[in-house]
Amino acid sequence: MTSELKSEKEINMIRGKMLVAAATKEELAEFLTYVTAIEVLVEEASNEDFYGTRGWQHRLGWED
């Protein structure tokens, strides 16, 4: 993961480009870095039981 994440404005611009299939490979990689950072934050919050006993993975249908 890169040391600095894009700003909210930059991420939203990449989202827009993704919607029209105009994002570059570099922009896609930057977006995935952002998604990974969000996943880490959500996982850390799971340890505090913010999402109930079933967790955020259950809410997304990822739980086995």
PDB file of N, CA and C in Angstrom:
ATOM      1  N   MET A   1       0.847  -1.170   0.000  1.00  0.00           N
ATOM      2  CA  MET A   1       0.000   0.000   0.000  1.00  0.00           C
ATOM      3  C   MET A   1       0.894   1.235   0.000  1.00  0.00           C
ATOM      4  N   THR A   2       0.508   2.232  -0.785  1.00  0.00           N
ATOM      5  CA  THR A   2       1.326   3.437  -0.840  1.00  0.00           C
ATOM      6  C   THR A   2       1.235   4.185   0.476  1.00  0.00           C
ATOM      7  N   SER A   3       2.203   5.058   0.709  1.00  0.00           N
ATOM      8  CA  SER A   3       2.274   5.748   1.989  1.00  0.00           C
ATOM      9  C   SER A   3       1.224   6.851   2.114  1.00  0.00           C
ATOM     10  N   GLU A   4       0.739   7.374   0.998  1.00  0.00           N
ATOM     11  CA  GLU A   4      -0.232   8.457   1.070  1.00  0.00           C
ATOM     12  C   GLU A   4      -1.450   8.120   0.222  1.00  0.00           C
ATOM     13  N   LEU A   5      -2.624   8.176   0.853  1.00  0.00           N
ATOM     14  CA  LEU A   5      -3.854   7.922   0.126  1.00  0.00           C
ATOM     15  C   LEU A   5      -4.303   9.184  -0.593  1.00  0.00           C
ATOM     16  N   LYS A   6      -5.079   8.999  -1.638  1.00  0.00           N
ATOM     17  CA  LYS A   6      -5.646  10.117  -2.378  1.00  0.00           C
ATOM     18  C   LYS A   6      -6.683  10.831  -1.512  1.00  0.00           C
ATOM     19  N   SER A   7      -6.933  12.086  -1.851  1.00  0.00           N
ATOM     20  CA  SER A   7      -7.959  12.846  -1.143  1.00  0.00           C
ATOM     21  C   SER A   7      -9.350  12.335  -1.537  1.00  0.00           C
ATOM     22  N   GLU A   8     -10.351  12.740  -0.785  1.00  0.00           N
ATOM     23  CA  GLU A   8     -11.726  12.345  -1.102  1.00  0.00           C
ATOM     24  C   GLU A   8     -12.106  12.817  -2.507  1.00  0.00           C
ATOM     25  N   LYS A   9     -11.720  14.033  -2.847  1.00  0.00           N
ATOM     26  CA  LYS A   9     -12.019  14.577  -4.178  1.00  0.00           C
ATOM     27  C   LYS A   9     -11.374  13.727  -5.270  1.00  0.00           C
ATOM     28  N   GLU A  10     -10.108  13.347  -5.059  1.00  0.00           N
ATOM     29  CA  GLU A  10      -9.401  12.539  -6.057  1.00  0.00           C
ATOM     30  C   GLU A  10     -10.033  11.151  -6.194  1.00  0.00           C
ATOM     31  N   ILE A  11     -10.422  10.552  -5.078  1.00  0.00           N
ATOM     32  CA  ILE A  11     -11.079   9.242  -5.120  1.00  0.00           C
ATOM     33  C   ILE A  11     -12.408   9.342  -5.860  1.00  0.00           C
ATOM     34  N   ASN A  12     -13.161  10.407  -5.605  1.00  0.00           N
ATOM     35  CA  ASN A  12     -14.437  10.585  -6.303  1.00  0.00           C
ATOM     36  C   ASN A  12     -14.235  10.788  -7.802  1.00  0.00           C
ATOM     37  N   MET A  13     -13.160  11.469  -8.186  1.00  0.00           N
ATOM     38  CA  MET A  13     -12.864  11.628  -9.609  1.00  0.00           C
ATOM     39  C   MET A  13     -12.547  10.278 -10.248  1.00  0.00           C
ATOM     40  N   ILE A  14     -11.805   9.442  -9.533  1.00  0.00           N
ATOM     41  CA  ILE A  14     -11.495   8.104 -10.044  1.00  0.00           C
ATOM     42  C   ILE A  14     -12.778   7.284 -10.162  1.00  0.00           C
ATOM     43  N   ARG A  15     -13.654   7.393  -9.171  1.00  0.00           N
ATOM     44  CA  ARG A  15     -14.950   6.679  -9.244  1.00  0.00           C
ATOM     45  C   ARG A  15     -15.711   7.068 -10.502  1.00  0.00           C
ATOM     46  N   GLY A  16     -15.746   8.369 -10.779  1.00  0.00           N
ATOM     47  CA  GLY A  16     -16.435   8.834 -11.981  1.00  0.00           C
ATOM     48  C   GLY A  16     -15.828   8.249 -13.241  1.00  0.00           C
ATOM     49  N   LYS A  17     -14.509   8.225 -13.301  1.00  0.00           N
ATOM     50  CA  LYS A  17     -13.830   7.648 -14.460  1.00  0.00           C
ATOM     51  C   LYS A  17     -14.115   6.151 -14.568  1.00  0.00           C
ATOM     52  N   MET A  18     -14.190   5.479 -13.423  1.00  0.00           N
ATOM     53  CA  MET A  18     -14.489   4.051 -13.436  1.00  0.00           C
ATOM     54  C   MET A  18     -15.888   3.794 -13.994  1.00  0.00           C
ATOM     55  N   LEU A  19     -16.834   4.671 -13.691  1.00  0.00           N
ATOM     56  CA  LEU A  19     -18.206   4.504 -14.172  1.00  0.00           C
ATOM     57  C   LEU A  19     -18.307   4.555 -15.691  1.00  0.00           C
ATOM     58  N   VAL A  20     -17.403   5.274 -16.320  1.00  0.00           N
ATOM     59  CA  VAL A  20     -17.431   5.386 -17.782  1.00  0.00           C
ATOM     60  C   VAL A  20     -16.256   4.652 -18.430  1.00  0.00           C
ATOM     61  N   ALA A  21     -15.635   3.758 -17.660  1.00  0.00           N
ATOM     62  CA  ALA A  21     -14.521   2.931 -18.144  1.00  0.00           C
ATOM     63  C   ALA A  21     -13.371   3.776 -18.698  1.00  0.00           C
ATOM     64  N   ALA A  22     -13.063   4.887 -18.013  1.00  0.00           N
ATOM     65  CA  ALA A  22     -11.994   5.766 -18.464  1.00  0.00           C
ATOM     66  C   ALA A  22     -10.828   5.844 -17.476  1.00  0.00           C
ATOM     67  N   ALA A  23     -10.884   5.063 -16.411  1.00  0.00           N
ATOM     68  CA  ALA A  23      -9.813   5.086 -15.409  1.00  0.00           C
ATOM     69  C   ALA A  23      -8.587   4.357 -15.940  1.00  0.00           C
ATOM     70  N   THR A  24      -7.415   4.902 -15.633  1.00  0.00           N
ATOM     71  CA  THR A  24      -6.160   4.254 -16.025  1.00  0.00           C
ATOM     72  C   THR A  24      -5.847   3.112 -15.051  1.00  0.00           C
ATOM     73  N   LYS A  25      -4.894   2.292 -15.417  1.00  0.00           N
ATOM     74  CA  LYS A  25      -4.468   1.214 -14.513  1.00  0.00           C
ATOM     75  C   LYS A  25      -3.924   1.791 -13.211  1.00  0.00           C
ATOM     76  N   GLU A  26      -3.205   2.906 -13.301  1.00  0.00           N
ATOM     77  CA  GLU A  26      -2.672   3.546 -12.099  1.00  0.00           C
ATOM     78  C   GLU A  26      -3.815   4.025 -11.188  1.00  0.00           C
ATOM     79  N   GLU A  27      -4.838   4.618 -11.788  1.00  0.00           N
ATOM     80  CA  GLU A  27      -5.988   5.076 -10.997  1.00  0.00           C
ATOM     81  C   GLU A  27      -6.729   3.909 -10.359  1.00  0.00           C
ATOM     82  N   LEU A  28      -6.863   2.816 -11.088  1.00  0.00           N
ATOM     83  CA  LEU A  28      -7.503   1.624 -10.520  1.00  0.00           C
ATOM     84  C   LEU A  28      -6.700   1.098  -9.330  1.00  0.00           C
ATOM     85  N   ALA A  29      -5.382   1.093  -9.455  1.00  0.00           N
ATOM     86  CA  ALA A  29      -4.522   0.653  -8.361  1.00  0.00           C
ATOM     87  C   ALA A  29      -4.671   1.581  -7.160  1.00  0.00           C
ATOM     88  N   GLU A  30      -4.761   2.884  -7.402  1.00  0.00           N
ATOM     89  CA  GLU A  30      -4.941   3.848  -6.317  1.00  0.00           C
ATOM     90  C   GLU A  30      -6.285   3.642  -5.626  1.00  0.00           C
ATOM     91  N   PHE A  31      -7.311   3.342  -6.410  1.00  0.00           N
ATOM     92  CA  PHE A  31      -8.630   3.084  -5.829  1.00  0.00           C
ATOM     93  C   PHE A  31      -8.601   1.816  -4.976  1.00  0.00           C
ATOM     94  N   LEU A  32      -7.923   0.784  -5.456  1.00  0.00           N
ATOM     95  CA  LEU A  32      -7.817  -0.455  -4.679  1.00  0.00           C
ATOM     96  C   LEU A  32      -7.030  -0.231  -3.391  1.00  0.00           C
ATOM     97  N   THR A  33      -6.050   0.648  -3.414  1.00  0.00           N
ATOM     98  CA  THR A  33      -5.317   1.001  -2.196  1.00  0.00           C
ATOM     99  C   THR A  33      -6.266   1.631  -1.186  1.00  0.00           C
ATOM    100  N   TYR A  34      -7.147   2.516  -1.676  1.00  0.00           N
ATOM    101  CA  TYR A  34      -8.166   3.155  -0.836  1.00  0.00           C
ATOM    102  C   TYR A  34      -9.110   2.106  -0.244  1.00  0.00           C
ATOM    103  N   VAL A  35      -9.586   1.195  -1.083  1.00  0.00           N
ATOM    104  CA  VAL A  35     -10.502   0.146  -0.620  1.00  0.00           C
ATOM    105  C   VAL A  35      -9.825  -0.714   0.447  1.00  0.00           C
ATOM    106  N   THR A  36      -8.576  -1.052   0.238  1.00  0.00           N
ATOM    107  CA  THR A  36      -7.832  -1.851   1.217  1.00  0.00           C
ATOM    108  C   THR A  36      -7.736  -1.118   2.549  1.00  0.00           C
ATOM    109  N   ALA A  37      -7.464   0.189   2.497  1.00  0.00           N
ATOM    110  CA  ALA A  37      -7.380   0.984   3.729  1.00  0.00           C
ATOM    111  C   ALA A  37      -8.724   0.986   4.459  1.00  0.00           C
ATOM    112  N   ILE A  38      -9.806   1.102   3.714  1.00  0.00           N
ATOM    113  CA  ILE A  38     -11.148   1.067   4.317  1.00  0.00           C
ATOM    114  C   ILE A  38     -11.398  -0.296   4.959  1.00  0.00           C
ATOM    115  N   GLU A  39     -11.017  -1.374   4.285  1.00  0.00           N
ATOM    116  CA  GLU A  39     -11.195  -2.720   4.834  1.00  0.00           C
ATOM    117  C   GLU A  39     -10.433  -2.881   6.144  1.00  0.00           C
ATOM    118  N   VAL A  40      -9.236  -2.345   6.207  1.00  0.00           N
ATOM    119  CA  VAL A  40      -8.442  -2.427   7.432  1.00  0.00           C
ATOM    120  C   VAL A  40      -9.164  -1.691   8.572  1.00  0.00           C
ATOM    121  N   LEU A  41      -9.683  -0.494   8.283  1.00  0.00           N
ATOM    122  CA  LEU A  41     -10.406   0.267   9.303  1.00  0.00           C
ATOM    123  C   LEU A  41     -11.656  -0.475   9.776  1.00  0.00           C
ATOM    124  N   VAL A  42     -12.378  -1.056   8.847  1.00  0.00           N
ATOM    125  CA  VAL A  42     -13.594  -1.792   9.198  1.00  0.00           C
ATOM    126  C   VAL A  42     -13.248  -3.013  10.038  1.00  0.00           C
ATOM    127  N   GLU A  43     -12.179  -3.704   9.666  1.00  0.00           N
ATOM    128  CA  GLU A  43     -11.753  -4.883  10.438  1.00  0.00           C
ATOM    129  C   GLU A  43     -11.355  -4.485  11.855  1.00  0.00           C
ATOM    130  N   GLU A  44     -10.647  -3.368  11.989  1.00  0.00           N
ATOM    131  CA  GLU A  44     -10.278  -2.889  13.324  1.00  0.00           C
ATOM    132  C   GLU A  44     -11.522  -2.567  14.141  1.00  0.00           C
ATOM    133  N   ALA A  45     -12.525  -1.979  13.511  1.00  0.00           N
ATOM    134  CA  ALA A  45     -13.772  -1.653  14.211  1.00  0.00           C
ATOM    135  C   ALA A  45     -14.532  -2.922  14.588  1.00  0.00           C
ATOM    136  N   SER A  46     -14.368  -3.995  13.817  1.00  0.00           N
ATOM    137  CA  SER A  46     -15.047  -5.256  14.138  1.00  0.00           C
ATOM    138  C   SER A  46     -14.607  -5.774  15.507  1.00  0.00           C
ATOM    139  N   ASN A  47     -13.366  -5.514  15.852  1.00  0.00           N
ATOM    140  CA  ASN A  47     -12.868  -5.955  17.150  1.00  0.00           C
ATOM    141  C   ASN A  47     -13.566  -5.234  18.299  1.00  0.00           C
ATOM    142  N   GLU A  48     -14.183  -4.097  18.008  1.00  0.00           N
ATOM    143  CA  GLU A  48     -14.934  -3.340  19.013  1.00  0.00           C
ATOM    144  C   GLU A  48     -16.411  -3.697  18.994  1.00  0.00           C
ATOM    145  N   ASP A  49     -16.818  -4.625  18.116  1.00  0.00           N
ATOM    146  CA  ASP A  49     -18.194  -5.104  18.008  1.00  0.00           C
ATOM    147  C   ASP A  49     -19.176  -4.002  17.593  1.00  0.00           C
ATOM    148  N   PHE A  50     -18.737  -3.084  16.757  1.00  0.00           N
ATOM    149  CA  PHE A  50     -19.623  -2.042  16.241  1.00  0.00           C
ATOM    150  C   PHE A  50     -20.702  -2.613  15.334  1.00  0.00           C
ATOM    151  N   TYR A  51     -20.454  -3.781  14.760  1.00  0.00           N
ATOM    152  CA  TYR A  51     -21.339  -4.344  13.743  1.00  0.00           C
ATOM    153  C   TYR A  51     -22.194  -5.489  14.272  1.00  0.00           C
ATOM    154  N   GLY A  52     -22.287  -5.645  15.574  1.00  0.00           N
ATOM    155  CA  GLY A  52     -23.057  -6.734  16.151  1.00  0.00           C
ATOM    156  C   GLY A  52     -22.258  -8.022  16.189  1.00  0.00           C
ATOM    157  N   THR A  53     -22.881  -9.055  16.667  1.00  0.00           N
ATOM    158  CA  THR A  53     -22.159 -10.312  16.856  1.00  0.00           C
ATOM    159  C   THR A  53     -21.837 -11.013  15.544  1.00  0.00           C
ATOM    160  N   ARG A  54     -22.526 -10.713  14.469  1.00  0.00           N
ATOM    161  CA  ARG A  54     -22.278 -11.380  13.194  1.00  0.00           C
ATOM    162  C   ARG A  54     -21.215 -10.654  12.363  1.00  0.00           C
ATOM    163  N   GLY A  55     -20.981  -9.378  12.609  1.00  0.00           N
ATOM    164  CA  GLY A  55     -19.898  -8.654  11.964  1.00  0.00           C
ATOM    165  C   GLY A  55     -20.222  -8.099  10.587  1.00  0.00           C
ATOM    166  N   TRP A  56     -19.298  -7.296  10.091  1.00  0.00           N
ATOM    167  CA  TRP A  56     -19.489  -6.631   8.799  1.00  0.00           C
ATOM    168  C   TRP A  56     -19.438  -7.604   7.632  1.00  0.00           C
ATOM    169  N   GLN A  57     -18.656  -8.692   7.748  1.00  0.00           N
ATOM    170  CA  GLN A  57     -18.599  -9.662   6.662  1.00  0.00           C
ATOM    171  C   GLN A  57     -19.960 -10.316   6.450  1.00  0.00           C
ATOM    172  N   HIS A  58     -20.655 -10.597   7.540  1.00  0.00           N
ATOM    173  CA  HIS A  58     -22.004 -11.164   7.448  1.00  0.00           C
ATOM    174  C   HIS A  58     -22.934 -10.207   6.727  1.00  0.00           C
ATOM    175  N   ARG A  59     -22.846  -8.927   7.076  1.00  0.00           N
ATOM    176  CA  ARG A  59     -23.714  -7.900   6.453  1.00  0.00           C
ATOM    177  C   ARG A  59     -23.522  -7.857   4.938  1.00  0.00           C
ATOM    178  N   LEU A  60     -22.278  -8.080   4.474  1.00  0.00           N
ATOM    179  CA  LEU A  60     -21.995  -8.065   3.040  1.00  0.00           C
ATOM    180  C   LEU A  60     -22.178  -9.433   2.374  1.00  0.00           C
ATOM    181  N   GLY A  61     -22.498 -10.444   3.167  1.00  0.00           N
ATOM    182  CA  GLY A  61     -22.655 -11.786   2.615  1.00  0.00           C
ATOM    183  C   GLY A  61     -21.347 -12.501   2.355  1.00  0.00           C
ATOM    184  N   TRP A  62     -20.258 -12.049   3.007  1.00  0.00           N
ATOM    185  CA  TRP A  62     -18.942 -12.656   2.819  1.00  0.00           C
ATOM    186  C   TRP A  62     -18.663 -13.776   3.802  1.00  0.00           C
ATOM    187  N   GLU A  63     -19.468 -13.863   4.843  1.00  0.00           N
ATOM    188  CA  GLU A  63     -19.225 -14.842   5.900  1.00  0.00           C
ATOM    189  C   GLU A  63     -19.637 -16.225   5.432  1.00  0.00           C
ATOM    190  N   ASP A  64     -18.827 -17.208   5.750  1.00  0.00           N
ATOM    191  CA  ASP A  64     -19.153 -18.608   5.398  1.00  0.00           C
ATOM    192  C   ASP A  64     -20.279 -19.136   6.250  1.00  0.00           C
TER     193      ASP A  64
END
